[in-house]
């Protein structure tokens, strides 16, 4: 562009990946330049067929369900929405607020404490660069459609394994146990603290 400031005319943002405060160059790409992307879909359909795509997608859904089961078995994480595909939304809950989370008696102020903890967790995880989950804000059905910050995982790679998911939880746990987010943690050696 002759005037670099004109790039703002094509800028896009989304809660789940390209937030307003991010430096992601994807928010400045022109949709019209993506037209040739359909060639990849066509080529893969020719190579894999519909059944091949089905097998790959089913695998990613199974891995997302594995991750959801880990979250559901835990007391330190909360599933925000039951996964219906390969997308999962969950969040970490500080120790002193866990019982209230399970009883669904959190106040707006307590939810904001949890929201901020999850913002920090996702930021630190991204900065470390070992594993990655994105973050979004949703109007959560469980919380009367109030905005809740959640950690968002999209299992897009069919080669993702249960061990990869375990590594994500271990990475998050090491960040949590470093007390960089909060000192309100359980002194457990378990990454997923299983409910009794």
Protein backbone atom coordinates (compact mmCIF):
# COMPACT_ATOMS: atom_id res chain seq x y z
CA UNK A 1 0.00 0.00 0.00
CA UNK A 2 1.27 3.47 -0.80
CA UNK A 3 -0.02 4.65 2.57
CA UNK A 4 0.66 1.98 5.24
CA UNK A 5 -2.14 3.40 7.40
CA UNK A 6 -4.66 2.11 4.84
CA UNK A 7 -3.98 -1.43 6.09
CA UNK A 8 -6.52 -0.72 8.83
CA UNK A 9 -9.30 -0.81 6.24
CA UNK A 10 -8.92 -4.61 5.91
CA UNK A 11 -8.17 -5.34 9.58
CA UNK A 12 -10.23 -8.11 11.22
CA UNK A 13 -10.33 -9.39 14.80
CA UNK A 14 -11.98 -12.32 16.57
CA UNK A 15 -12.22 -13.24 20.27
CA UNK A 16 -10.81 -16.69 19.71
CA UNK A 17 -7.59 -16.02 17.80
CA UNK A 18 -6.87 -12.53 16.48
CA UNK A 19 -7.72 -10.26 19.40
CA UNK A 20 -7.58 -6.48 19.07
CA UNK A 21 -4.47 -6.29 21.26
CA UNK A 22 -2.55 -9.02 19.39
CA UNK A 23 0.21 -8.50 16.86
CA UNK A 24 -0.97 -11.32 14.62
CA UNK A 25 -0.39 -10.39 10.98
CA UNK A 26 -3.44 -12.46 10.02
CA UNK A 27 -5.71 -9.59 10.99
CA UNK A 28 -4.33 -7.58 8.07
CA UNK A 29 -4.64 -10.11 5.22
CA UNK A 30 -7.03 -9.46 2.40
CA UNK A 31 -9.67 -12.18 2.00
CA UNK A 32 -9.54 -11.85 -1.76
CA UNK A 33 -5.96 -13.11 -1.72
CA UNK A 34 -7.10 -16.44 -0.28
CA UNK A 35 -9.13 -17.58 -3.26
CA UNK A 36 -6.61 -20.22 -4.34
CA UNK A 37 -6.95 -22.01 -0.98
CA UNK A 38 -9.74 -24.11 -2.50
CA UNK A 39 -7.12 -25.88 -4.63
CA UNK A 40 -5.78 -27.58 -1.49
CA UNK A 41 -9.23 -28.83 -0.52
CA UNK A 42 -9.85 -30.12 -4.04
CA UNK A 43 -6.48 -31.91 -4.18
CA UNK A 44 -6.97 -33.51 -0.77
CA UNK A 45 -10.48 -34.65 -1.65
CA UNK A 46 -9.05 -36.28 -4.77
CA UNK A 47 -6.33 -38.02 -2.73
CA UNK A 48 -8.22 -38.94 0.44
CA UNK A 49 -11.85 -38.97 -0.61
CA UNK A 50 -14.76 -38.31 1.71
CA UNK A 51 -14.05 -41.47 3.73
CA UNK A 52 -10.45 -40.38 4.28
CA UNK A 53 -11.58 -37.00 5.56
CA UNK A 54 -14.11 -38.73 7.79
CA UNK A 55 -11.42 -40.91 9.37
CA UNK A 56 -9.14 -37.92 9.98
CA UNK A 57 -11.92 -35.79 11.45
CA UNK A 58 -13.20 -38.63 13.66
CA UNK A 59 -9.70 -39.00 15.08
CA UNK A 60 -9.54 -35.31 16.02
CA UNK A 61 -12.96 -35.55 17.68
CA UNK A 62 -11.82 -38.58 19.72
CA UNK A 63 -8.78 -36.65 20.97
CA UNK A 64 -10.96 -33.63 21.90
CA UNK A 65 -13.25 -36.00 23.83
CA UNK A 66 -10.21 -37.47 25.60
CA UNK A 67 -9.24 -33.96 26.69
CA UNK A 68 -12.81 -33.25 27.81
CA UNK A 69 -12.79 -36.45 29.93
CA UNK A 70 -9.56 -35.28 31.58
CA UNK A 71 -11.18 -31.94 32.40
CA UNK A 72 -14.40 -33.56 33.65
CA UNK A 73 -12.45 -35.90 35.95
CA UNK A 74 -10.56 -32.97 37.45
CA UNK A 75 -11.29 -30.53 40.22
CA UNK A 76 -8.76 -27.94 39.02
CA UNK A 77 -10.24 -27.42 35.54
CA UNK A 78 -13.80 -26.76 34.42
CA UNK A 79 -15.38 -27.74 31.11
CA UNK A 80 -17.29 -24.71 29.81
CA UNK A 81 -19.11 -26.36 26.91
CA UNK A 82 -19.44 -30.04 26.07
CA UNK A 83 -17.48 -30.62 22.87
CA UNK A 84 -19.59 -31.51 19.84
CA UNK A 85 -16.68 -31.57 17.41
CA UNK A 86 -12.91 -31.14 17.67
CA UNK A 87 -13.17 -27.87 19.62
CA UNK A 88 -12.90 -27.73 23.41
CA UNK A 89 -13.48 -24.84 25.85
CA UNK A 90 -12.31 -25.13 29.43
CA UNK A 91 -10.68 -23.07 32.18
CA UNK A 92 -8.45 -23.40 35.23
CA UNK A 93 -10.06 -22.71 38.61
CA UNK A 94 -8.02 -21.37 41.58
CA UNK A 95 -8.13 -23.68 44.60
CA UNK A 96 -10.26 -21.51 46.89
CA UNK A 97 -12.98 -21.13 44.24
CA UNK A 98 -13.31 -24.76 43.12
CA UNK A 99 -16.12 -25.80 45.41
CA UNK A 100 -18.14 -22.73 44.44
CA UNK A 101 -17.49 -23.50 40.76
CA UNK A 102 -18.83 -27.04 41.15
CA UNK A 103 -21.86 -25.77 43.06
CA UNK A 104 -22.37 -23.02 40.45
CA UNK A 105 -22.41 -20.31 43.13
CA UNK A 106 -19.57 -18.12 41.83
CA UNK A 107 -20.16 -14.36 41.97
CA UNK A 108 -19.39 -12.08 39.04
CA UNK A 109 -16.31 -10.83 40.92
CA UNK A 110 -15.07 -14.40 41.46
CA UNK A 111 -15.62 -15.23 37.80
CA UNK A 112 -13.54 -12.17 36.90
CA UNK A 113 -10.71 -13.45 39.14
CA UNK A 114 -10.88 -16.76 37.26
CA UNK A 115 -11.04 -14.93 33.92
CA UNK A 116 -7.89 -12.96 34.71
CA UNK A 117 -6.06 -16.10 35.87
CA UNK A 118 -6.88 -17.82 32.57
CA UNK A 119 -5.78 -14.79 30.54
CA UNK A 120 -2.43 -14.91 32.34
CA UNK A 121 -2.16 -18.69 31.95
CA UNK A 122 -2.72 -18.53 28.21
CA UNK A 123 -0.33 -15.59 27.78
CA UNK A 124 2.44 -17.33 29.72
CA UNK A 125 1.89 -20.63 27.93
CA UNK A 126 2.16 -18.87 24.57
CA UNK A 127 5.31 -17.00 25.67
CA UNK A 128 7.01 -20.21 26.83
CA UNK A 129 6.35 -21.80 23.46
CA UNK A 130 6.30 -25.45 24.60
CA UNK A 131 2.58 -26.02 24.01
CA UNK A 132 -0.27 -23.80 22.89
CA UNK A 133 -3.95 -23.23 23.49
CA UNK A 134 -5.84 -20.17 22.36
CA UNK A 135 -8.24 -18.13 24.44
CA UNK A 136 -11.68 -16.72 23.88
CA UNK A 137 -14.53 -15.06 25.71
CA UNK A 138 -17.92 -16.75 25.45
CA UNK A 139 -21.33 -16.05 26.85
CA UNK A 140 -21.40 -19.21 28.95
CA UNK A 141 -24.70 -21.10 29.25
CA UNK A 142 -23.63 -22.38 32.68
CA UNK A 143 -23.26 -18.79 33.92
CA UNK A 144 -26.49 -17.25 32.58
CA UNK A 145 -24.80 -16.17 29.33
CA UNK A 146 -22.31 -13.95 31.17
CA UNK A 147 -18.93 -13.45 29.48
CA UNK A 148 -16.40 -16.06 30.63
CA UNK A 149 -12.78 -16.32 29.50
CA UNK A 150 -12.01 -19.84 28.37
CA UNK A 151 -9.02 -21.73 27.08
CA UNK A 152 -9.83 -22.90 23.55
CA UNK A 153 -8.37 -25.98 21.92
CA UNK A 154 -8.98 -26.98 18.32
CA UNK A 155 -7.63 -30.41 17.52
CA UNK A 156 -6.88 -29.85 13.85
CA UNK A 157 -3.99 -32.26 13.42
CA UNK A 158 -5.10 -35.92 13.22
CA UNK A 159 -1.62 -36.93 14.41
CA UNK A 160 -2.30 -35.36 17.82
CA UNK A 161 -2.16 -38.03 20.54
CA UNK A 162 -3.33 -38.38 24.12
CA UNK A 163 0.32 -37.85 25.13
CA UNK A 164 0.25 -34.47 23.37
CA UNK A 165 -2.83 -33.51 25.37
CA UNK A 166 -1.17 -34.68 28.59
CA UNK A 167 1.83 -32.47 27.70
CA UNK A 168 -0.49 -29.45 27.39
CA UNK A 169 -1.87 -30.08 30.88
CA UNK A 170 1.65 -30.65 32.27
CA UNK A 171 2.84 -27.39 30.74
CA UNK A 172 -0.13 -25.51 32.17
CA UNK A 173 0.42 -27.14 35.56
CA UNK A 174 4.07 -26.10 35.66
CA UNK A 175 3.01 -22.51 34.92
CA UNK A 176 0.30 -22.66 37.59
CA UNK A 177 2.63 -24.19 40.18
CA UNK A 178 5.23 -21.47 39.48
CA UNK A 179 2.81 -19.04 41.20
CA UNK A 180 3.17 -16.57 38.33
CA UNK A 181 -0.62 -16.53 37.92
CA UNK A 182 -1.78 -16.94 41.48
CA UNK A 183 -0.68 -18.38 44.82
CA UNK A 184 -4.17 -19.88 45.18
CA UNK A 185 -3.12 -23.38 44.11
CA UNK A 186 -3.39 -26.88 45.50
CA UNK A 187 -0.10 -28.38 46.61
CA UNK A 188 -0.80 -31.54 44.63
CA UNK A 189 1.68 -33.36 42.43
CA UNK A 190 -1.15 -34.32 40.13
CA UNK A 191 -1.55 -32.29 36.94
CA UNK A 192 -5.20 -33.28 36.71
CA UNK A 193 -6.49 -33.36 40.27
CA UNK A 194 -9.04 -36.16 40.11
CA UNK A 195 -12.33 -35.75 41.91
CA UNK A 196 -13.11 -38.12 44.78
